[in-house]
Structure formats: C-alpha cells, structure tokens
C-alpha cells in the first residue's frame, strides 16, 4: 500500500509518475475514480483523451 509520508522537517523530492488505465466497466471505473480522488497522495486531473 502506498501512503503519504508523515510531516517532517526534511524536504522530500517526488518524481511524477503517469499511469494510464483502460477500464471497460463503467461501475468499476467510477469506483476507481472515487478512490483516487480520496487518496491524499495522488493529484488527479480530469483529462479525457479523445481517440
């Protein structure tokens, strides 16, 4: 499980990672989106790629 680091006086550097997922089931997609929005360690931008 990934979680946010505790508050410390040290500056921490994080590399940005991009993950692309293909989800064919709408209900599972909405569950995933809600989980990611609630996760404090993830910044999520609404960006839908058009094909």
Protein backbone atom coordinates (compact mmCIF):
# COMPACT_ATOMS: atom_id res chain seq x y z
CA UNK A 1 0.00 0.00 0.00
CA UNK A 2 1.28 3.47 -0.86
CA UNK A 3 0.66 6.25 1.60
CA UNK A 4 1.64 9.86 2.14
CA UNK A 5 4.74 10.50 4.23
CA UNK A 6 4.28 11.90 7.71
CA UNK A 7 5.07 15.57 8.29
CA UNK A 8 8.80 16.03 8.73
CA UNK A 9 11.20 18.95 8.63
CA UNK A 10 13.09 17.40 5.71
CA UNK A 11 12.25 18.41 2.16
CA UNK A 12 11.32 15.39 0.11
CA UNK A 13 11.51 15.17 -3.65
CA UNK A 14 8.97 13.08 -5.52
CA UNK A 15 9.14 12.07 -9.15
CA UNK A 16 5.92 12.48 -11.09
CA UNK A 17 4.53 9.23 -12.45
CA UNK A 18 1.84 8.91 -15.09
CA UNK A 19 -0.42 5.87 -15.14
CA UNK A 20 -2.81 5.09 -17.98
CA UNK A 21 -5.57 2.57 -17.29
CA UNK A 22 -8.13 1.12 -19.67
CA UNK A 23 -11.31 0.20 -17.78
CA UNK A 24 -14.19 -1.24 -19.79
CA UNK A 25 -16.73 -1.47 -16.95
CA UNK A 26 -18.32 1.90 -16.02
CA UNK A 27 -19.11 0.90 -12.44
CA UNK A 28 -15.53 -0.21 -11.81
CA UNK A 29 -14.27 2.98 -13.45
CA UNK A 30 -16.35 5.15 -11.10
CA UNK A 31 -15.15 3.18 -8.07
CA UNK A 32 -11.55 3.69 -9.18
CA UNK A 33 -12.06 7.42 -9.78
CA UNK A 34 -13.67 7.88 -6.35
CA UNK A 35 -10.82 6.01 -4.67
CA UNK A 36 -8.19 8.11 -6.45
CA UNK A 37 -9.96 11.36 -5.56
CA UNK A 38 -9.98 10.37 -1.87
CA UNK A 39 -6.31 9.35 -1.84
CA UNK A 40 -4.27 12.21 -0.38
CA UNK A 41 -1.06 11.21 -2.14
CA UNK A 42 -2.50 11.44 -5.66
CA UNK A 43 -3.15 14.57 -7.70
CA UNK A 44 -5.74 13.83 -10.33
CA UNK A 45 -6.62 15.98 -13.30
CA UNK A 46 -9.76 15.47 -15.34
CA UNK A 47 -8.32 14.88 -18.78
CA UNK A 48 -10.05 12.55 -21.20
CA UNK A 49 -8.06 11.65 -24.28
CA UNK A 50 -10.08 11.70 -27.47
CA UNK A 51 -9.39 8.96 -29.97
